[in-house]
């Protein structure tokens, strides 16, 4: 078996201890938050659901109104339903990306 030089072995141990320390810090922070973390997660889940549902519903209602008052060859209800769904998904993606960025920045700030 090949012997690892002491400096490489020590740097690996330092890196491992840093990883373990960071994991322990995250666990302690989560314990301090307690139930708030769960409620925050459920609230975010609901927020994302509503950010998709509301534009979809508004698009459907507007499409039904247009179809009822200005009948045409194409269904505005279906068109605006799909458009509302697309806008809602973009909105949800925006919220998730923003929260993920905030979490990453928080983690980087905690390590410094």
PDB file of N, CA and C in Angstrom:
ATOM      1  N   UNK A   1       0.825  -1.170   0.000  1.00  0.00           N
ATOM      2  CA  UNK A   1       0.000   0.000   0.000  1.00  0.00           C
ATOM      3  C   UNK A   1       0.876   1.242   0.000  1.00  0.00           C
ATOM      4  N   UNK A   2       0.486   2.211  -0.759  1.00  0.00           N
ATOM      5  CA  UNK A   2       1.240   3.447  -0.890  1.00  0.00           C
ATOM      6  C   UNK A   2       0.989   4.365   0.302  1.00  0.00           C
ATOM      7  N   UNK A   3       2.045   4.950   0.819  1.00  0.00           N
ATOM      8  CA  UNK A   3       1.895   5.853   1.948  1.00  0.00           C
ATOM      9  C   UNK A   3       1.646   7.262   1.437  1.00  0.00           C
ATOM     10  N   UNK A   4       0.634   7.932   1.992  1.00  0.00           N
ATOM     11  CA  UNK A   4       0.282   9.290   1.590  1.00  0.00           C
ATOM     12  C   UNK A   4       1.161  10.258   2.364  1.00  0.00           C
ATOM     13  N   UNK A   5       1.737  11.247   1.671  1.00  0.00           N
ATOM     14  CA  UNK A   5       2.537  12.236   2.395  1.00  0.00           C
ATOM     15  C   UNK A   5       1.706  12.926   3.472  1.00  0.00           C
ATOM     16  N   UNK A   6       2.362  13.314   4.533  1.00  0.00           N
ATOM     17  CA  UNK A   6       1.672  13.881   5.687  1.00  0.00           C
ATOM     18  C   UNK A   6       0.890  15.148   5.343  1.00  0.00           C
ATOM     19  N   UNK A   7       1.433  16.016   4.477  1.00  0.00           N
ATOM     20  CA  UNK A   7       0.746  17.259   4.156  1.00  0.00           C
ATOM     21  C   UNK A   7      -0.567  17.000   3.420  1.00  0.00           C
ATOM     22  N   UNK A   8      -0.591  16.019   2.506  1.00  0.00           N
ATOM     23  CA  UNK A   8      -1.821  15.675   1.794  1.00  0.00           C
ATOM     24  C   UNK A   8      -2.833  15.069   2.758  1.00  0.00           C
ATOM     25  N   UNK A   9      -2.358  14.209   3.641  1.00  0.00           N
ATOM     26  CA  UNK A   9      -3.231  13.580   4.620  1.00  0.00           C
ATOM     27  C   UNK A   9      -3.844  14.629   5.547  1.00  0.00           C
ATOM     28  N   UNK A  10      -3.031  15.575   5.983  1.00  0.00           N
ATOM     29  CA  UNK A  10      -3.544  16.622   6.867  1.00  0.00           C
ATOM     30  C   UNK A  10      -4.546  17.520   6.153  1.00  0.00           C
ATOM     31  N   UNK A  11      -4.297  17.835   4.881  1.00  0.00           N
ATOM     32  CA  UNK A  11      -5.240  18.682   4.147  1.00  0.00           C
ATOM     33  C   UNK A  11      -6.567  17.961   3.934  1.00  0.00           C
ATOM     34  N   UNK A  12      -6.517  16.660   3.732  1.00  0.00           N
ATOM     35  CA  UNK A  12      -7.759  15.886   3.598  1.00  0.00           C
ATOM     36  C   UNK A  12      -8.532  15.889   4.913  1.00  0.00           C
ATOM     37  N   UNK A  13      -7.803  15.734   6.002  1.00  0.00           N
ATOM     38  CA  UNK A  13      -8.448  15.753   7.311  1.00  0.00           C
ATOM     39  C   UNK A  13      -9.062  17.121   7.588  1.00  0.00           C
ATOM     40  N   UNK A  14      -8.360  18.178   7.212  1.00  0.00           N
ATOM     41  CA  UNK A  14      -8.902  19.532   7.393  1.00  0.00           C
ATOM     42  C   UNK A  14     -10.172  19.731   6.569  1.00  0.00           C
ATOM     43  N   UNK A  15     -10.139  19.257   5.317  1.00  0.00           N
ATOM     44  CA  UNK A  15     -11.318  19.393   4.451  1.00  0.00           C
ATOM     45  C   UNK A  15     -12.486  18.605   5.024  1.00  0.00           C
ATOM     46  N   UNK A  16     -12.199  17.405   5.523  1.00  0.00           N
ATOM     47  CA  UNK A  16     -13.250  16.576   6.111  1.00  0.00           C
ATOM     48  C   UNK A  16     -13.821  17.235   7.356  1.00  0.00           C
ATOM     49  N   UNK A  17     -12.948  17.784   8.203  1.00  0.00           N
ATOM     50  CA  UNK A  17     -13.456  18.430   9.418  1.00  0.00           C
ATOM     51  C   UNK A  17     -14.280  19.672   9.078  1.00  0.00           C
ATOM     52  N   UNK A  18     -13.922  20.386   8.011  1.00  0.00           N
ATOM     53  CA  UNK A  18     -14.731  21.536   7.585  1.00  0.00           C
ATOM     54  C   UNK A  18     -16.116  21.090   7.111  1.00  0.00           C
ATOM     55  N   UNK A  19     -16.170  19.996   6.347  1.00  0.00           N
ATOM     56  CA  UNK A  19     -17.460  19.479   5.877  1.00  0.00           C
ATOM     57  C   UNK A  19     -18.326  19.030   7.051  1.00  0.00           C
ATOM     58  N   UNK A  20     -17.712  18.346   7.998  1.00  0.00           N
ATOM     59  CA  UNK A  20     -18.463  17.873   9.164  1.00  0.00           C
ATOM     60  C   UNK A  20     -18.950  19.057   9.989  1.00  0.00           C
ATOM     61  N   UNK A  21     -18.101  20.053  10.157  1.00  0.00           N
ATOM     62  CA  UNK A  21     -18.492  21.246  10.897  1.00  0.00           C
ATOM     63  C   UNK A  21     -19.650  21.977  10.238  1.00  0.00           C
ATOM     64  N   UNK A  22     -19.612  22.087   8.904  1.00  0.00           N
ATOM     65  CA  UNK A  22     -20.703  22.753   8.183  1.00  0.00           C
ATOM     66  C   UNK A  22     -22.004  21.974   8.324  1.00  0.00           C
ATOM     67  N   UNK A  23     -21.928  20.644   8.240  1.00  0.00           N
ATOM     68  CA  UNK A  23     -23.130  19.818   8.392  1.00  0.00           C
ATOM     69  C   UNK A  23     -23.703  19.962   9.804  1.00  0.00           C
ATOM     70  N   UNK A  24     -22.834  19.987  10.799  1.00  0.00           N
ATOM     71  CA  UNK A  24     -23.297  20.137  12.176  1.00  0.00           C
ATOM     72  C   UNK A  24     -23.939  21.505  12.398  1.00  0.00           C
ATOM     73  N   UNK A  25     -23.360  22.537  11.802  1.00  0.00           N
ATOM     74  CA  UNK A  25     -23.926  23.881  11.911  1.00  0.00           C
ATOM     75  C   UNK A  25     -25.323  23.933  11.307  1.00  0.00           C
ATOM     76  N   UNK A  26     -25.497  23.295  10.137  1.00  0.00           N
ATOM     77  CA  UNK A  26     -26.825  23.254   9.503  1.00  0.00           C
ATOM     78  C   UNK A  26     -27.827  22.525  10.386  1.00  0.00           C
ATOM     79  N   UNK A  27     -27.403  21.412  10.986  1.00  0.00           N
ATOM     80  CA  UNK A  27     -28.307  20.659  11.864  1.00  0.00           C
ATOM     81  C   UNK A  27     -28.728  21.484  13.068  1.00  0.00           C
ATOM     82  N   UNK A  28     -27.765  22.172  13.677  1.00  0.00           N
ATOM     83  CA  UNK A  28     -28.096  22.992  14.842  1.00  0.00           C
ATOM     84  C   UNK A  28     -29.022  24.146  14.464  1.00  0.00           C
ATOM     85  N   UNK A  29     -28.786  24.762  13.306  1.00  0.00           N
ATOM     86  CA  UNK A  29     -29.639  25.856  12.852  1.00  0.00           C
ATOM     87  C   UNK A  29     -31.057  25.350  12.604  1.00  0.00           C
ATOM     88  N   UNK A  30     -31.179  24.172  12.021  1.00  0.00           N
ATOM     89  CA  UNK A  30     -32.496  23.591  11.758  1.00  0.00           C
ATOM     90  C   UNK A  30     -33.213  23.270  13.070  1.00  0.00           C
ATOM     91  N   UNK A  31     -32.476  22.751  14.059  1.00  0.00           N
ATOM     92  CA  UNK A  31     -33.091  22.462  15.355  1.00  0.00           C
ATOM     93  C   UNK A  31     -33.591  23.734  16.027  1.00  0.00           C
ATOM     94  N   UNK A  32     -32.822  24.819  15.891  1.00  0.00           N
ATOM     95  CA  UNK A  32     -33.249  26.086  16.489  1.00  0.00           C
ATOM     96  C   UNK A  32     -34.519  26.603  15.836  1.00  0.00           C
ATOM     97  N   UNK A  33     -34.626  26.438  14.530  1.00  0.00           N
ATOM     98  CA  UNK A  33     -35.839  26.880  13.826  1.00  0.00           C
ATOM     99  C   UNK A  33     -37.036  26.051  14.230  1.00  0.00           C
ATOM    100  N   UNK A  34     -36.829  24.755  14.407  1.00  0.00           N
ATOM    101  CA  UNK A  34     -37.888  23.853  14.848  1.00  0.00           C
ATOM    102  C   UNK A  34     -39.042  23.779  13.862  1.00  0.00           C
ATOM    103  N   UNK A  35     -40.249  23.941  14.365  1.00  0.00           N
ATOM    104  CA  UNK A  35     -41.469  23.801  13.577  1.00  0.00           C
ATOM    105  C   UNK A  35     -41.582  24.896  12.527  1.00  0.00           C
ATOM    106  N   UNK A  36     -40.960  26.040  12.772  1.00  0.00           N
ATOM    107  CA  UNK A  36     -41.036  27.145  11.817  1.00  0.00           C
ATOM    108  C   UNK A  36     -40.574  26.702  10.432  1.00  0.00           C
ATOM    109  N   UNK A  37     -39.548  25.874  10.355  1.00  0.00           N
ATOM    110  CA  UNK A  37     -39.046  25.404   9.074  1.00  0.00           C
ATOM    111  C   UNK A  37     -40.105  24.623   8.300  1.00  0.00           C
ATOM    112  N   UNK A  38     -40.869  23.797   9.019  1.00  0.00           N
ATOM    113  CA  UNK A  38     -41.920  23.011   8.378  1.00  0.00           C
ATOM    114  C   UNK A  38     -43.035  23.928   7.882  1.00  0.00           C
ATOM    115  N   UNK A  39     -43.465  24.862   8.738  1.00  0.00           N
ATOM    116  CA  UNK A  39     -44.543  25.773   8.341  1.00  0.00           C
ATOM    117  C   UNK A  39     -44.099  26.686   7.212  1.00  0.00           C
ATOM    118  N   UNK A  40     -42.848  27.089   7.251  1.00  0.00           N
ATOM    119  CA  UNK A  40     -42.331  27.924   6.172  1.00  0.00           C
ATOM    120  C   UNK A  40     -42.347  27.159   4.850  1.00  0.00           C
ATOM    121  N   UNK A  41     -41.960  25.897   4.898  1.00  0.00           N
ATOM    122  CA  UNK A  41     -41.986  25.057   3.695  1.00  0.00           C
ATOM    123  C   UNK A  41     -43.387  24.862   3.155  1.00  0.00           C
ATOM    124  N   UNK A  42     -44.343  24.613   4.058  1.00  0.00           N
ATOM    125  CA  UNK A  42     -45.729  24.448   3.624  1.00  0.00           C
ATOM    126  C   UNK A  42     -46.293  25.751   3.066  1.00  0.00           C
ATOM    127  N   UNK A  43     -45.928  26.850   3.689  1.00  0.00           N
ATOM    128  CA  UNK A  43     -46.374  28.154   3.181  1.00  0.00           C
ATOM    129  C   UNK A  43     -45.821  28.430   1.793  1.00  0.00           C
ATOM    130  N   UNK A  44     -44.556  28.086   1.575  1.00  0.00           N
ATOM    131  CA  UNK A  44     -43.954  28.281   0.259  1.00  0.00           C
ATOM    132  C   UNK A  44     -44.625  27.377  -0.770  1.00  0.00           C
ATOM    133  N   UNK A  45     -44.951  26.160  -0.353  1.00  0.00           N
ATOM    134  CA  UNK A  45     -45.650  25.228  -1.241  1.00  0.00           C
ATOM    135  C   UNK A  45     -46.999  25.810  -1.657  1.00  0.00           C
ATOM    136  N   UNK A  46     -47.726  26.385  -0.709  1.00  0.00           N
ATOM    137  CA  UNK A  46     -49.013  27.008  -1.014  1.00  0.00           C
ATOM    138  C   UNK A  46     -48.864  28.230  -1.893  1.00  0.00           C
ATOM    139  N   UNK A  47     -47.836  29.018  -1.627  1.00  0.00           N
ATOM    140  CA  UNK A  47     -47.581  30.211  -2.430  1.00  0.00           C
ATOM    141  C   UNK A  47     -47.314  29.847  -3.882  1.00  0.00           C
ATOM    142  N   UNK A  48     -46.537  28.812  -4.088  1.00  0.00           N
ATOM    143  CA  UNK A  48     -46.241  28.373  -5.455  1.00  0.00           C
ATOM    144  C   UNK A  48     -47.500  27.844  -6.126  1.00  0.00           C
ATOM    145  N   UNK A  49     -48.319  27.111  -5.386  1.00  0.00           N
ATOM    146  CA  UNK A  49     -49.575  26.604  -5.949  1.00  0.00           C
ATOM    147  C   UNK A  49     -50.502  27.728  -6.389  1.00  0.00           C
ATOM    148  N   UNK A  50     -50.647  28.737  -5.533  1.00  0.00           N
ATOM    149  CA  UNK A  50     -51.505  29.867  -5.881  1.00  0.00           C
ATOM    150  C   UNK A  50     -50.919  30.687  -7.017  1.00  0.00           C
ATOM    151  N   UNK A  51     -49.592  30.764  -7.108  1.00  0.00           N
ATOM    152  CA  UNK A  51     -48.985  31.545  -8.184  1.00  0.00           C
ATOM    153  C   UNK A  51     -49.215  30.890  -9.542  1.00  0.00           C
ATOM    154  N   UNK A  52     -49.534  29.611  -9.560  1.00  0.00           N
ATOM    155  CA  UNK A  52     -49.905  28.941 -10.813  1.00  0.00           C
ATOM    156  C   UNK A  52     -51.417  28.978 -11.011  1.00  0.00           C
ATOM    157  N   UNK A  53     -52.171  28.769  -9.939  1.00  0.00           N
ATOM    158  CA  UNK A  53     -53.629  28.656 -10.051  1.00  0.00           C
ATOM    159  C   UNK A  53     -54.295  29.972 -10.427  1.00  0.00           C
ATOM    160  N   UNK A  54     -53.861  31.073  -9.851  1.00  0.00           N
ATOM    161  CA  UNK A  54     -54.543  32.352 -10.089  1.00  0.00           C
ATOM    162  C   UNK A  54     -54.421  32.812 -11.546  1.00  0.00           C
ATOM    163  N   UNK A  55     -53.219  32.835 -12.152  1.00  0.00           N
ATOM    164  CA  UNK A  55     -53.170  33.235 -13.573  1.00  0.00           C
ATOM    165  C   UNK A  55     -53.942  32.282 -14.489  1.00  0.00           C
ATOM    166  N   UNK A  56     -53.939  30.991 -14.149  1.00  0.00           N
ATOM    167  CA  UNK A  56     -54.695  30.023 -14.956  1.00  0.00           C
ATOM    168  C   UNK A  56     -56.193  30.311 -14.864  1.00  0.00           C
ATOM    169  N   UNK A  57     -56.674  30.547 -13.661  1.00  0.00           N
ATOM    170  CA  UNK A  57     -58.092  30.845 -13.466  1.00  0.00           C
ATOM    171  C   UNK A  57     -58.484  32.162 -14.133  1.00  0.00           C
ATOM    172  N   UNK A  58     -57.660  33.194 -13.979  1.00  0.00           N
ATOM    173  CA  UNK A  58     -57.961  34.485 -14.606  1.00  0.00           C
ATOM    174  C   UNK A  58     -57.970  34.375 -16.134  1.00  0.00           C
ATOM    175  N   UNK A  59     -57.024  33.620 -16.675  1.00  0.00           N
ATOM    176  CA  UNK A  59     -57.003  33.412 -18.123  1.00  0.00           C
ATOM    177  C   UNK A  59     -58.241  32.683 -18.611  1.00  0.00           C
ATOM    178  N   UNK A  60     -58.673  31.685 -17.845  1.00  0.00           N
ATOM    179  CA  UNK A  60     -59.873  30.932 -18.219  1.00  0.00           C
ATOM    180  C   UNK A  60     -61.114  31.815 -18.160  1.00  0.00           C
ATOM    181  N   UNK A  61     -61.239  32.596 -17.109  1.00  0.00           N
ATOM    182  CA  UNK A  61     -62.402  33.478 -16.986  1.00  0.00           C
ATOM    183  C   UNK A  61     -62.428  34.540 -18.086  1.00  0.00           C
ATOM    184  N   UNK A  62     -61.286  35.128 -18.368  1.00  0.00           N
ATOM    185  CA  UNK A  62     -61.224  36.122 -19.440  1.00  0.00           C
ATOM    186  C   UNK A  62     -61.546  35.488 -20.795  1.00  0.00           C
ATOM    187  N   UNK A  63     -61.030  34.289 -21.029  1.00  0.00           N
ATOM    188  CA  UNK A  63     -61.324  33.583 -22.280  1.00  0.00           C
ATOM    189  C   UNK A  63     -62.794  33.248 -22.420  1.00  0.00           C
ATOM    190  N   UNK A  64     -63.417  32.813 -21.328  1.00  0.00           N
ATOM    191  CA  UNK A  64     -64.850  32.510 -21.369  1.00  0.00           C
ATOM    192  C   UNK A  64     -65.664  33.770 -21.644  1.00  0.00           C
ATOM    193  N   UNK A  65     -65.256  34.886 -21.047  1.00  0.00           N
ATOM    194  CA  UNK A  65     -65.942  36.152 -21.289  1.00  0.00           C
ATOM    195  C   UNK A  65     -65.823  36.563 -22.758  1.00  0.00           C
ATOM    196  N   UNK A  66     -64.619  36.455 -23.306  1.00  0.00           N
ATOM    197  CA  UNK A  66     -64.420  36.822 -24.719  1.00  0.00           C
ATOM    198  C   UNK A  66     -65.217  35.894 -25.630  1.00  0.00           C
ATOM    199  N   UNK A  67     -65.195  34.584 -25.348  1.00  0.00           N
ATOM    200  CA  UNK A  67     -65.946  33.636 -26.180  1.00  0.00           C
ATOM    201  C   UNK A  67     -67.444  33.894 -26.122  1.00  0.00           C
ATOM    202  N   UNK A  68     -67.938  34.295 -24.961  1.00  0.00           N
ATOM    203  CA  UNK A  68     -69.372  34.527 -24.808  1.00  0.00           C
ATOM    204  C   UNK A  68     -69.805  35.812 -25.525  1.00  0.00           C
ATOM    205  N   UNK A  69     -69.018  36.857 -25.435  1.00  0.00           N
ATOM    206  CA  UNK A  69     -69.408  38.142 -26.010  1.00  0.00           C
ATOM    207  C   UNK A  69     -68.944  38.349 -27.451  1.00  0.00           C
ATOM    208  N   UNK A  70     -67.867  37.719 -27.834  1.00  0.00           N
ATOM    209  CA  UNK A  70     -67.318  37.868 -29.192  1.00  0.00           C
ATOM    210  C   UNK A  70     -66.987  36.492 -29.755  1.00  0.00           C
ATOM    211  N   UNK A  71     -67.999  35.718 -30.141  1.00  0.00           N
ATOM    212  CA  UNK A  71     -67.751  34.368 -30.644  1.00  0.00           C
ATOM    213  C   UNK A  71     -66.902  34.411 -31.919  1.00  0.00           C
ATOM    214  N   UNK A  72     -66.042  33.429 -32.052  1.00  0.00           N
ATOM    215  CA  UNK A  72     -65.168  33.358 -33.214  1.00  0.00           C
ATOM    216  C   UNK A  72     -64.846  31.914 -33.552  1.00  0.00           C
ATOM    217  N   UNK A  73     -63.907  31.760 -34.434  1.00  0.00           N
ATOM    218  CA  UNK A  73     -63.516  30.425 -34.892  1.00  0.00           C
ATOM    219  C   UNK A  73     -62.686  29.710 -33.818  1.00  0.00           C
ATOM    220  N   UNK A  74     -61.820  30.445 -33.151  1.00  0.00           N
ATOM    221  CA  UNK A  74     -60.918  29.843 -32.168  1.00  0.00           C
ATOM    222  C   UNK A  74     -61.464  30.034 -30.755  1.00  0.00           C
ATOM    223  N   UNK A  75     -61.121  29.090 -29.894  1.00  0.00           N
ATOM    224  CA  UNK A  75     -61.556  29.145 -28.499  1.00  0.00           C
ATOM    225  C   UNK A  75     -60.576  29.990 -27.684  1.00  0.00           C
ATOM    226  N   UNK A  76     -61.068  31.159 -27.256  1.00  0.00           N
ATOM    227  CA  UNK A  76     -60.246  32.009 -26.411  1.00  0.00           C
ATOM    228  C   UNK A  76     -60.104  31.422 -25.015  1.00  0.00           C
ATOM    229  N   UNK A  77     -61.078  30.648 -24.591  1.00  0.00           N
ATOM    230  CA  UNK A  77     -60.999  30.032 -23.267  1.00  0.00           C
ATOM    231  C   UNK A  77     -59.792  29.108 -23.179  1.00  0.00           C
ATOM    232  N   UNK A  78     -59.653  28.239 -24.156  1.00  0.00           N
ATOM    233  CA  UNK A  78     -58.531  27.298 -24.167  1.00  0.00           C
ATOM    234  C   UNK A  78     -57.202  28.032 -24.353  1.00  0.00           C
ATOM    235  N   UNK A  79     -57.191  29.002 -25.245  1.00  0.00           N
ATOM    236  CA  UNK A  79     -55.966  29.752 -25.505  1.00  0.00           C
ATOM    237  C   UNK A  79     -55.490  30.494 -24.265  1.00  0.00           C
ATOM    238  N   UNK A  80     -56.391  31.181 -23.599  1.00  0.00           N
ATOM    239  CA  UNK A  80     -55.992  31.938 -22.417  1.00  0.00           C
ATOM    240  C   UNK A  80     -55.770  31.049 -21.195  1.00  0.00           C
ATOM    241  N   UNK A  81     -56.407  29.883 -21.154  1.00  0.00           N
ATOM    242  CA  UNK A  81     -56.117  28.924 -20.100  1.00  0.00           C
ATOM    243  C   UNK A  81     -54.664  28.475 -20.199  1.00  0.00           C
ATOM    244  N   UNK A  82     -54.239  28.108 -21.399  1.00  0.00           N
ATOM    245  CA  UNK A  82     -52.847  27.669 -21.603  1.00  0.00           C
ATOM    246  C   UNK A  82     -51.877  28.816 -21.345  1.00  0.00           C
ATOM    247  N   UNK A  83     -52.233  30.020 -21.800  1.00  0.00           N
ATOM    248  CA  UNK A  83     -51.382  31.185 -21.559  1.00  0.00           C
ATOM    249  C   UNK A  83     -51.269  31.469 -20.061  1.00  0.00           C
ATOM    250  N   UNK A  84     -52.383  31.408 -19.333  1.00  0.00           N
ATOM    251  CA  UNK A  84     -52.360  31.619 -17.886  1.00  0.00           C
ATOM    252  C   UNK A  84     -51.543  30.561 -17.162  1.00  0.00           C
ATOM    253  N   UNK A  85     -51.651  29.327 -17.613  1.00  0.00           N
ATOM    254  CA  UNK A  85     -50.867  28.246 -17.026  1.00  0.00           C
ATOM    255  C   UNK A  85     -49.376  28.480 -17.255  1.00  0.00           C
ATOM    256  N   UNK A  86     -49.017  28.890 -18.457  1.00  0.00           N
ATOM    257  CA  UNK A  86     -47.618  29.181 -18.780  1.00  0.00           C
ATOM    258  C   UNK A  86     -47.092  30.334 -17.917  1.00  0.00           C
ATOM    259  N   UNK A  87     -47.868  31.396 -17.798  1.00  0.00           N
ATOM    260  CA  UNK A  87     -47.455  32.539 -16.971  1.00  0.00           C
ATOM    261  C   UNK A  87     -47.343  32.117 -15.505  1.00  0.00           C
ATOM    262  N   UNK A  88     -48.270  31.304 -15.044  1.00  0.00           N
ATOM    263  CA  UNK A  88     -48.213  30.815 -13.661  1.00  0.00           C
ATOM    264  C   UNK A  88     -46.980  29.961 -13.399  1.00  0.00           C
ATOM    265  N   UNK A  89     -46.631  29.108 -14.363  1.00  0.00           N
ATOM    266  CA  UNK A  89     -45.426  28.286 -14.200  1.00  0.00           C
ATOM    267  C   UNK A  89     -44.171  29.148 -14.193  1.00  0.00           C
ATOM    268  N   UNK A  90     -44.127  30.165 -15.033  1.00  0.00           N
ATOM    269  CA  UNK A  90     -42.991  31.090 -15.011  1.00  0.00           C
ATOM    270  C   UNK A  90     -42.911  31.819 -13.669  1.00  0.00           C
ATOM    271  N   UNK A  91     -44.060  32.207 -13.160  1.00  0.00           N
ATOM    272  CA  UNK A  91     -44.125  32.878 -11.866  1.00  0.00           C
ATOM    273  C   UNK A  91     -43.607  31.956 -10.751  1.00  0.00           C
ATOM    274  N   UNK A  92     -44.041  30.703 -10.758  1.00  0.00           N
ATOM    275  CA  UNK A  92     -43.590  29.740  -9.750  1.00  0.00           C
ATOM    276  C   UNK A  92     -42.087  29.498  -9.879  1.00  0.00           C
ATOM    277  N   UNK A  93     -41.599  29.396 -11.094  1.00  0.00           N
ATOM    278  CA  UNK A  93     -40.169  29.206 -11.314  1.00  0.00           C
ATOM    279  C   UNK A  93     -39.390  30.395 -10.759  1.00  0.00           C
ATOM    280  N   UNK A  94     -39.920  31.581 -10.957  1.00  0.00           N
ATOM    281  CA  UNK A  94     -39.274  32.785 -10.433  1.00  0.00           C
ATOM    282  C   UNK A  94     -39.173  32.732  -8.910  1.00  0.00           C
ATOM    283  N   UNK A  95     -40.270  32.363  -8.235  1.00  0.00           N
ATOM    284  CA  UNK A  95     -40.278  32.282  -6.777  1.00  0.00           C
ATOM    285  C   UNK A  95     -39.269  31.258  -6.274  1.00  0.00           C
ATOM    286  N   UNK A  96     -39.261  30.085  -6.889  1.00  0.00           N
ATOM    287  CA  UNK A  96     -38.351  29.023  -6.457  1.00  0.00           C
ATOM    288  C   UNK A  96     -36.901  29.440  -6.678  1.00  0.00           C
ATOM    289  N   UNK A  97     -36.598  30.033  -7.833  1.00  0.00           N
ATOM    290  CA  UNK A  97     -35.233  30.469  -8.113  1.00  0.00           C
ATOM    291  C   UNK A  97     -34.792  31.540  -7.127  1.00  0.00           C
ATOM    292  N   UNK A  98     -35.683  32.455  -6.790  1.00  0.00           N
ATOM    293  CA  UNK A  98     -35.348  33.518  -5.847  1.00  0.00           C
ATOM    294  C   UNK A  98     -35.085  32.956  -4.452  1.00  0.00           C
ATOM    295  N   UNK A  99     -35.900  32.006  -4.006  1.00  0.00           N
ATOM    296  CA  UNK A  99     -35.693  31.396  -2.699  1.00  0.00           C
ATOM    297  C   UNK A  99     -34.416  30.571  -2.661  1.00  0.00           C
ATOM    298  N   UNK A 100     -34.151  29.849  -3.749  1.00  0.00           N
ATOM    299  CA  UNK A 100     -32.925  29.059  -3.813  1.00  0.00           C
ATOM    300  C   UNK A 100     -31.700  29.962  -3.752  1.00  0.00           C
ATOM    301  N   UNK A 101     -31.747  31.081  -4.447  1.00  0.00           N
ATOM    302  CA  UNK A 101     -30.639  32.045  -4.426  1.00  0.00           C
ATOM    303  C   UNK A 101     -30.452  32.606  -3.018  1.00  0.00           C
ATOM    304  N   UNK A 102     -31.545  32.918  -2.344  1.00  0.00           N
ATOM    305  CA  UNK A 102     -31.458  33.441  -0.983  1.00  0.00           C
ATOM    306  C   UNK A 102     -30.864  32.402  -0.030  1.00  0.00           C
ATOM    307  N   UNK A 103     -31.234  31.153  -0.192  1.00  0.00           N
ATOM    308  CA  UNK A 103     -30.695  30.085   0.656  1.00  0.00           C
ATOM    309  C   UNK A 103     -29.200  29.933   0.410  1.00  0.00           C
ATOM    310  N   UNK A 104     -28.805  29.934  -0.875  1.00  0.00           N
ATOM    311  CA  UNK A 104     -27.377  29.818  -1.202  1.00  0.00           C
ATOM    312  C   UNK A 104     -26.579  30.981  -0.625  1.00  0.00           C
ATOM    313  N   UNK A 105     -27.097  32.195  -0.749  1.00  0.00           N
ATOM    314  CA  UNK A 105     -26.396  33.361  -0.206  1.00  0.00           C
ATOM    315  C   UNK A 105     -26.316  33.286   1.312  1.00  0.00           C
ATOM    316  N   UNK A 106     -27.373  32.796   1.952  1.00  0.00           N
ATOM    317  CA  UNK A 106     -27.378  32.643   3.397  1.00  0.00           C
ATOM    318  C   UNK A 106     -26.318  31.634   3.827  1.00  0.00           C
ATOM    319  N   UNK A 107     -26.215  30.527   3.094  1.00  0.00           N
ATOM    320  CA  UNK A 107     -25.211  29.508   3.408  1.00  0.00           C
ATOM    321  C   UNK A 107     -23.801  30.069   3.238  1.00  0.00           C
ATOM    322  N   UNK A 108     -23.574  30.838   2.162  1.00  0.00           N
ATOM    323  CA  UNK A 108     -22.251  31.417   1.930  1.00  0.00           C
ATOM    324  C   UNK A 108     -21.906  32.426   3.015  1.00  0.00           C
ATOM    325  N   UNK A 109     -22.877  33.226   3.443  1.00  0.00           N
ATOM    326  CA  UNK A 109     -22.634  34.204   4.496  1.00  0.00           C
ATOM    327  C   UNK A 109     -22.351  33.549   5.831  1.00  0.00           C
ATOM    328  N   UNK A 110     -22.980  32.412   6.097  1.00  0.00           N
ATOM    329  CA  UNK A 110     -22.778  31.708   7.362  1.00  0.00           C
ATOM    330  C   UNK A 110     -21.383  31.090   7.421  1.00  0.00           C
ATOM    331  N   UNK A 111     -20.846  30.661   6.256  1.00  0.00           N
ATOM    332  CA  UNK A 111     -19.530  30.024   6.216  1.00  0.00           C
ATOM    333  C   UNK A 111     -18.406  31.032   6.355  1.00  0.00           C
ATOM    334  N   UNK A 112     -18.686  32.290   6.047  1.00  0.00           N
ATOM    335  CA  UNK A 112     -17.626  33.300   6.108  1.00  0.00           C
ATOM    336  C   UNK A 112     -17.409  33.833   7.470  1.00  0.00           C
TER     337      UNK A 112
END
